[in-house]
PDB file of N, CA and C in Angstrom:
ATOM      1  N   MET A   1     -54.864  11.367  26.457  1.00  0.00           N
ATOM      2  CA  MET A   1     -55.131  12.592  25.811  1.00  0.00           C
ATOM      3  C   MET A   1     -53.863  12.879  24.916  1.00  0.00           C
ATOM      4  N   GLY A   2     -52.484  12.552  25.356  1.00  0.00           N
ATOM      5  CA  GLY A   2     -51.552  12.645  24.643  1.00  0.00           C
ATOM      6  C   GLY A   2     -51.299  11.826  23.375  1.00  0.00           C
ATOM      7  N   ILE A   3     -51.795  10.631  23.574  1.00  0.00           N
ATOM      8  CA  ILE A   3     -51.680   9.944  22.352  1.00  0.00           C
ATOM      9  C   ILE A   3     -52.743  10.410  21.335  1.00  0.00           C
ATOM     10  N   VAL A   4     -53.882  10.607  21.633  1.00  0.00           N
ATOM     11  CA  VAL A   4     -54.867  11.283  20.666  1.00  0.00           C
ATOM     12  C   VAL A   4     -54.334  12.523  20.008  1.00  0.00           C
ATOM     13  N   ALA A   5     -53.633  13.334  20.735  1.00  0.00           N
ATOM     14  CA  ALA A   5     -52.957  14.530  20.133  1.00  0.00           C
ATOM     15  C   ALA A   5     -51.704  14.108  19.228  1.00  0.00           C
ATOM     16  N   MET A   6     -51.030  13.144  19.703  1.00  0.00           N
ATOM     17  CA  MET A   6     -50.079  12.563  18.534  1.00  0.00           C
ATOM     18  C   MET A   6     -50.704  12.131  17.424  1.00  0.00           C
ATOM     19  N   ILE A   7     -51.760  11.188  17.596  1.00  0.00           N
ATOM     20  CA  ILE A   7     -52.362  10.403  16.268  1.00  0.00           C
ATOM     21  C   ILE A   7     -52.984  11.691  15.276  1.00  0.00           C
ATOM     22  N   GLY A   8     -53.541  12.651  16.159  1.00  0.00           N
ATOM     23  CA  GLY A   8     -54.223  13.820  15.196  1.00  0.00           C
ATOM     24  C   GLY A   8     -53.154  14.704  14.574  1.00  0.00           C
ATOM     25  N   LEU A   9     -51.925  14.767  15.367  1.00  0.00           N
ATOM     26  CA  LEU A   9     -51.085  15.570  14.705  1.00  0.00           C
ATOM     27  C   LEU A   9     -50.384  15.112  13.394  1.00  0.00           C
ATOM     28  N   ILE A  10     -50.385  13.571  13.468  1.00  0.00           N
ATOM     29  CA  ILE A  10     -49.730  12.879  12.203  1.00  0.00           C
ATOM     30  C   ILE A  10     -50.863  12.802  11.271  1.00  0.00           C
ATOM     31  N   PHE A  11     -52.002  12.453  11.651  1.00  0.00           N
ATOM     32  CA  PHE A  11     -52.957  11.850  10.332  1.00  0.00           C
ATOM     33  C   PHE A  11     -53.781  13.236  10.051  1.00  0.00           C
ATOM     34  N   GLY A  12     -54.191  13.805  10.952  1.00  0.00           N
ATOM     35  CA  GLY A  12     -55.273  14.930  10.772  1.00  0.00           C
ATOM     36  C   GLY A  12     -54.775  15.847   9.492  1.00  0.00           C
ATOM     37  N   PRO A  13     -53.567  16.642   9.480  1.00  0.00           N
ATOM     38  CA  PRO A  13     -53.327  17.149   8.204  1.00  0.00           C
ATOM     39  C   PRO A  13     -52.761  16.279   7.151  1.00  0.00           C
ATOM     40  N   PHE A  14     -52.432  15.038   7.394  1.00  0.00           N
ATOM     41  CA  PHE A  14     -51.936  14.315   6.278  1.00  0.00           C
ATOM     42  C   PHE A  14     -53.344  13.829   5.262  1.00  0.00           C
ATOM     43  N   VAL A  15     -54.343  13.688   6.109  1.00  0.00           N
ATOM     44  CA  VAL A  15     -55.556  13.229   5.431  1.00  0.00           C
ATOM     45  C   VAL A  15     -56.031  14.526   4.559  1.00  0.00           C
ATOM     46  N   SER A  16     -56.036  15.643   5.338  1.00  0.00           N
ATOM     47  CA  SER A  16     -56.566  16.981   4.748  1.00  0.00           C
ATOM     48  C   SER A  16     -55.653  17.217   3.504  1.00  0.00           C
ATOM     49  N   LEU A  17     -54.207  17.126   3.503  1.00  0.00           N
ATOM     50  CA  LEU A  17     -53.318  17.459   2.590  1.00  0.00           C
ATOM     51  C   LEU A  17     -53.741  16.463   1.236  1.00  0.00           C
ATOM     52  N   LEU A  18     -54.078  15.211   1.598  1.00  0.00           N
ATOM     53  CA  LEU A  18     -54.473  14.210   0.337  1.00  0.00           C
ATOM     54  C   LEU A  18     -55.884  14.597  -0.167  1.00  0.00           C
ATOM     55  N   PHE A  19     -56.672  15.127   0.509  1.00  0.00           N
ATOM     56  CA  PHE A  19     -57.958  15.784  -0.143  1.00  0.00           C
ATOM     57  C   PHE A  19     -57.594  16.874  -0.788  1.00  0.00           C
ATOM     58  N   ALA A  20     -56.715  17.721  -0.372  1.00  0.00           N
ATOM     59  CA  ALA A  20     -56.428  18.919  -1.208  1.00  0.00           C
ATOM     60  C   ALA A  20     -55.644  18.644  -2.500  1.00  0.00           C
ATOM     61  N   ALA A  21     -54.877  17.531  -2.463  1.00  0.00           N
ATOM     62  CA  ALA A  21     -54.168  17.192  -3.768  1.00  0.00           C
ATOM     63  C   ALA A  21     -54.967  16.634  -4.726  1.00  0.00           C
ATOM     64  N   TRP A  22     -56.059  15.987  -4.151  1.00  0.00           N
ATOM     65  CA  TRP A  22     -57.011  15.083  -5.032  1.00  0.00           C
ATOM     66  C   TRP A  22     -57.966  16.355  -5.773  1.00  0.00           C
ATOM     67  N   PHE A  23     -58.370  17.292  -5.135  1.00  0.00           N
ATOM     68  CA  PHE A  23     -59.113  18.211  -5.605  1.00  0.00           C
ATOM     69  C   PHE A  23     -58.349  19.432  -6.427  1.00  0.00           C
ATOM     70  N   TYR A  24     -56.900  19.410  -6.232  1.00  0.00           N
ATOM     71  CA  TYR A  24     -56.144  20.243  -7.141  1.00  0.00           C
ATOM     72  C   TYR A  24     -56.056  19.632  -8.357  1.00  0.00           C
ATOM     73  N   VAL A  25     -55.736  18.086  -8.412  1.00  0.00           N
ATOM     74  CA  VAL A  25     -55.783  17.517  -9.531  1.00  0.00           C
ATOM     75  C   VAL A  25     -56.925  17.631 -10.333  1.00  0.00           C
ATOM     76  N   ARG A  26     -58.029  17.543  -9.651  1.00  0.00           N
ATOM     77  CA  ARG A  26     -59.517  17.903 -10.420  1.00  0.00           C
ATOM     78  C   ARG A  26     -59.780  18.932 -11.007  1.00  0.00           C
ATOM     79  N   TRP A  27     -59.174  20.233 -10.199  1.00  0.00           N
ATOM     80  CA  TRP A  27     -59.365  21.697 -10.680  1.00  0.00           C
ATOM     81  C   TRP A  27     -58.479  21.659 -11.886  1.00  0.00           C
ATOM     82  N   GLN A  28     -57.226  21.197 -11.922  1.00  0.00           N
ATOM     83  CA  GLN A  28     -56.270  21.317 -13.332  1.00  0.00           C
ATOM     84  C   GLN A  28     -56.636  20.651 -14.319  1.00  0.00           C
ATOM     85  N   ASN A  29     -57.512  19.545 -14.153  1.00  0.00           N
ATOM     86  CA  ASN A  29     -57.891  18.803 -15.271  1.00  0.00           C
ATOM     87  C   ASN A  29     -59.191  18.867 -15.825  1.00  0.00           C
ATOM     88  N   GLU A  30     -59.943  19.840 -15.252  1.00  0.00           N
ATOM     89  CA  GLU A  30     -61.415  19.733 -15.301  1.00  0.00           C
ATOM     90  C   GLU A  30     -61.492  20.865 -16.575  1.00  0.00           C
ATOM     91  N   GLU A  31     -62.402  20.492 -17.541  1.00  0.00           N
ATOM     92  CA  GLU A  31     -62.736  21.412 -18.637  1.00  0.00           C
ATOM     93  C   GLU A  31     -63.797  22.313 -18.570  1.00  0.00           C
ATOM     94  N   ASP A  32     -64.682  21.996 -17.700  1.00  0.00           N
ATOM     95  CA  ASP A  32     -65.859  22.550 -17.334  1.00  0.00           C
ATOM     96  C   ASP A  32     -65.432  23.918 -16.352  1.00  0.00           C
ATOM     97  N   GLU A  33     -65.659  25.095 -16.571  1.00  0.00           N
ATOM     98  CA  GLU A  33     -65.238  26.183 -15.886  1.00  0.00           C
ATOM     99  C   GLU A  33     -65.904  26.188 -14.329  1.00  0.00           C
ATOM    100  N   GLU A  34     -67.132  25.995 -14.295  1.00  0.00           N
ATOM    101  CA  GLU A  34     -68.058  25.840 -13.064  1.00  0.00           C
ATOM    102  C   GLU A  34     -67.460  24.821 -12.106  1.00  0.00           C
ATOM    103  N   LEU A  35     -67.133  23.817 -12.717  1.00  0.00           N
ATOM    104  CA  LEU A  35     -66.746  22.667 -12.081  1.00  0.00           C
ATOM    105  C   LEU A  35     -65.398  22.710 -11.384  1.00  0.00           C
ATOM    106  N   ALA A  36     -64.515  23.407 -12.415  1.00  0.00           N
ATOM    107  CA  ALA A  36     -62.999  23.782 -11.814  1.00  0.00           C
ATOM    108  C   ALA A  36     -63.018  24.805 -10.724  1.00  0.00           C
ATOM    109  N   LEU A  37     -64.032  25.767 -10.763  1.00  0.00           N
ATOM    110  CA  LEU A  37     -63.828  26.752  -9.871  1.00  0.00           C
ATOM    111  C   LEU A  37     -64.418  26.168  -8.347  1.00  0.00           C
ATOM    112  N   HIS A  38     -65.279  25.205  -8.384  1.00  0.00           N
ATOM    113  CA  HIS A  38     -65.915  24.378  -7.306  1.00  0.00           C
ATOM    114  C   HIS A  38     -64.812  23.707  -6.677  1.00  0.00           C
ATOM    115  N   ASN A  39     -64.029  22.974  -7.624  1.00  0.00           N
ATOM    116  CA  ASN A  39     -62.786  22.075  -7.106  1.00  0.00           C
ATOM    117  C   ASN A  39     -61.742  23.178  -6.462  1.00  0.00           C
ATOM    118  N   LYS A  40     -61.661  24.234  -6.995  1.00  0.00           N
ATOM    119  CA  LYS A  40     -60.645  24.997  -6.498  1.00  0.00           C
ATOM    120  C   LYS A  40     -60.956  25.534  -5.082  1.00  0.00           C
ATOM    121  N   LYS A  41     -62.315  25.969  -4.845  1.00  0.00           N
ATOM    122  CA  LYS A  41     -62.808  26.278  -3.518  1.00  0.00           C
ATOM    123  C   LYS A  41     -62.577  25.078  -2.657  1.00  0.00           C
ATOM    124  N   ILE A  42     -62.669  23.935  -2.913  1.00  0.00           N
ATOM    125  CA  ILE A  42     -62.717  22.805  -1.955  1.00  0.00           C
ATOM    126  C   ILE A  42     -61.142  22.694  -1.759  1.00  0.00           C
ATOM    127  N   CYS A  43     -60.314  22.607  -2.559  1.00  0.00           N
ATOM    128  CA  CYS A  43     -58.843  22.511  -2.460  1.00  0.00           C
ATOM    129  C   CYS A  43     -58.458  23.516  -1.501  1.00  0.00           C
ATOM    130  N   PHE A  44     -58.729  24.774  -1.634  1.00  0.00           N
ATOM    131  CA  PHE A  44     -58.254  25.783  -0.687  1.00  0.00           C
ATOM    132  C   PHE A  44     -58.865  25.569   0.699  1.00  0.00           C
ATOM    133  N   ARG A  45     -60.232  25.065   0.804  1.00  0.00           N
ATOM    134  CA  ARG A  45     -60.610  24.843   2.055  1.00  0.00           C
ATOM    135  C   ARG A  45     -59.969  23.661   2.649  1.00  0.00           C
ATOM    136  N   ALA A  46     -59.610  22.577   2.076  1.00  0.00           N
ATOM    137  CA  ALA A  46     -58.781  21.678   2.584  1.00  0.00           C
ATOM    138  C   ALA A  46     -57.437  21.986   3.084  1.00  0.00           C
ATOM    139  N   LEU A  47     -56.837  22.960   2.343  1.00  0.00           N
ATOM    140  CA  LEU A  47     -55.414  23.343   2.663  1.00  0.00           C
ATOM    141  C   LEU A  47     -55.770  24.269   4.113  1.00  0.00           C
ATOM    142  N   ILE A  48     -56.649  25.114   4.110  1.00  0.00           N
ATOM    143  CA  ILE A  48     -56.769  25.845   5.572  1.00  0.00           C
ATOM    144  C   ILE A  48     -57.453  24.775   6.631  1.00  0.00           C
ATOM    145  N   ALA A  49     -58.093  23.795   6.407  1.00  0.00           N
ATOM    146  CA  ALA A  49     -58.198  22.858   7.353  1.00  0.00           C
ATOM    147  C   ALA A  49     -56.981  22.085   7.779  1.00  0.00           C
ATOM    148  N   ALA A  50     -56.164  21.735   6.941  1.00  0.00           N
ATOM    149  CA  ALA A  50     -54.824  21.188   7.153  1.00  0.00           C
ATOM    150  C   ALA A  50     -54.047  22.213   8.242  1.00  0.00           C
ATOM    151  N   ALA A  51     -54.019  23.390   7.844  1.00  0.00           N
ATOM    152  CA  ALA A  51     -53.364  24.331   8.688  1.00  0.00           C
ATOM    153  C   ALA A  51     -54.117  24.661  10.304  1.00  0.00           C
ATOM    154  N   ILE A  52     -55.174  24.559  10.172  1.00  0.00           N
ATOM    155  CA  ILE A  52     -56.063  24.463  11.446  1.00  0.00           C
ATOM    156  C   ILE A  52     -55.599  23.379  12.379  1.00  0.00           C
ATOM    157  N   LEU A  53     -55.761  22.231  11.648  1.00  0.00           N
ATOM    158  CA  LEU A  53     -55.583  20.993  12.254  1.00  0.00           C
ATOM    159  C   LEU A  53     -53.986  20.833  12.784  1.00  0.00           C
ATOM    160  N   LEU A  54     -53.287  21.343  12.075  1.00  0.00           N
ATOM    161  CA  LEU A  54     -51.786  21.366  12.679  1.00  0.00           C
ATOM    162  C   LEU A  54     -51.690  22.128  13.914  1.00  0.00           C
ATOM    163  N   VAL A  55     -52.380  23.437  13.915  1.00  0.00           N
ATOM    164  CA  VAL A  55     -52.067  24.103  15.500  1.00  0.00           C
ATOM    165  C   VAL A  55     -53.101  23.598  16.212  1.00  0.00           C
ATOM    166  N   VAL A  56     -54.193  23.073  16.038  1.00  0.00           N
ATOM    167  CA  VAL A  56     -54.886  22.593  16.905  1.00  0.00           C
ATOM    168  C   VAL A  56     -54.381  21.507  17.579  1.00  0.00           C
ATOM    169  N   PHE A  57     -53.973  20.331  16.980  1.00  0.00           N
ATOM    170  CA  PHE A  57     -53.232  19.138  17.639  1.00  0.00           C
ATOM    171  C   PHE A  57     -51.905  19.535  17.995  1.00  0.00           C
ATOM    172  N   GLY A  58     -51.238  20.550  17.467  1.00  0.00           N
ATOM    173  CA  GLY A  58     -49.806  20.974  18.028  1.00  0.00           C
ATOM    174  C   GLY A  58     -49.910  21.561  19.505  1.00  0.00           C
ATOM    175  N   ILE A  59     -51.139  22.335  19.471  1.00  0.00           N
ATOM    176  CA  ILE A  59     -51.394  23.027  20.904  1.00  0.00           C
ATOM    177  C   ILE A  59     -51.630  21.791  22.027  1.00  0.00           C
ATOM    178  N   LEU A  60     -52.654  20.763  21.138  1.00  0.00           N
ATOM    179  CA  LEU A  60     -52.903  19.724  22.267  1.00  0.00           C
ATOM    180  C   LEU A  60     -51.682  18.807  22.659  1.00  0.00           C
ATOM    181  N   LYS A  61     -50.781  18.761  21.831  1.00  0.00           N
ATOM    182  CA  LYS A  61     -49.566  17.911  22.025  1.00  0.00           C
ATOM    183  C   LYS A  61     -48.878  18.677  23.101  1.00  0.00           C
ATOM    184  N   LEU A  62     -48.804  20.108  23.035  1.00  0.00           N
ATOM    185  CA  LEU A  62     -47.918  20.728  24.078  1.00  0.00           C
ATOM    186  C   LEU A  62     -48.716  20.733  25.545  1.00  0.00           C
ATOM    187  N   ILE A  63     -49.911  20.730  25.444  1.00  0.00           N
ATOM    188  CA  ILE A  63     -50.760  20.673  26.678  1.00  0.00           C
ATOM    189  C   ILE A  63     -50.568  19.324  27.391  1.00  0.00           C
ATOM    190  N   PHE A  64     -50.916  18.357  26.490  1.00  0.00           N
ATOM    191  CA  PHE A  64     -50.584  16.918  26.921  1.00  0.00           C
ATOM    192  C   PHE A  64     -49.462  16.080  26.483  1.00  0.00           C
ATOM    193  N   PRO A  65     -48.331  16.281  26.961  1.00  0.00           N
ATOM    194  CA  PRO A  65     -47.279  15.550  26.385  1.00  0.00           C
ATOM    195  C   PRO A  65     -47.383  14.086  26.646  1.00  0.00           C
ATOM    196  N   VAL A  66     -46.828  13.303  25.966  1.00  0.00           N
ATOM    197  CA  VAL A  66     -46.625  11.829  26.019  1.00  0.00           C
ATOM    198  C   VAL A  66     -45.513  11.545  27.175  1.00  0.00           C
ATOM    199  N   ALA A  67     -45.990  10.846  28.112  1.00  0.00           N
ATOM    200  CA  ALA A  67     -45.092  10.515  29.272  1.00  0.00           C
ATOM    201  C   ALA A  67     -44.064   9.684  28.849  1.00  0.00           C
TER     202      ALA A  67
END
């Protein structure tokens, strides 16, 4: 379980931050206001997901250390 926590701690927030960056660029370059607001919501949700993943896998890493 410690290995799963380590892999999740590395890749979970990384993938979520990639999604946030992707939708941030789409939000800034979108000309249609409705689509821009939709991309903004997705960007902030991805940032919140990155923070949650960091906390969850960080706690799992503390509970199940790699021997």
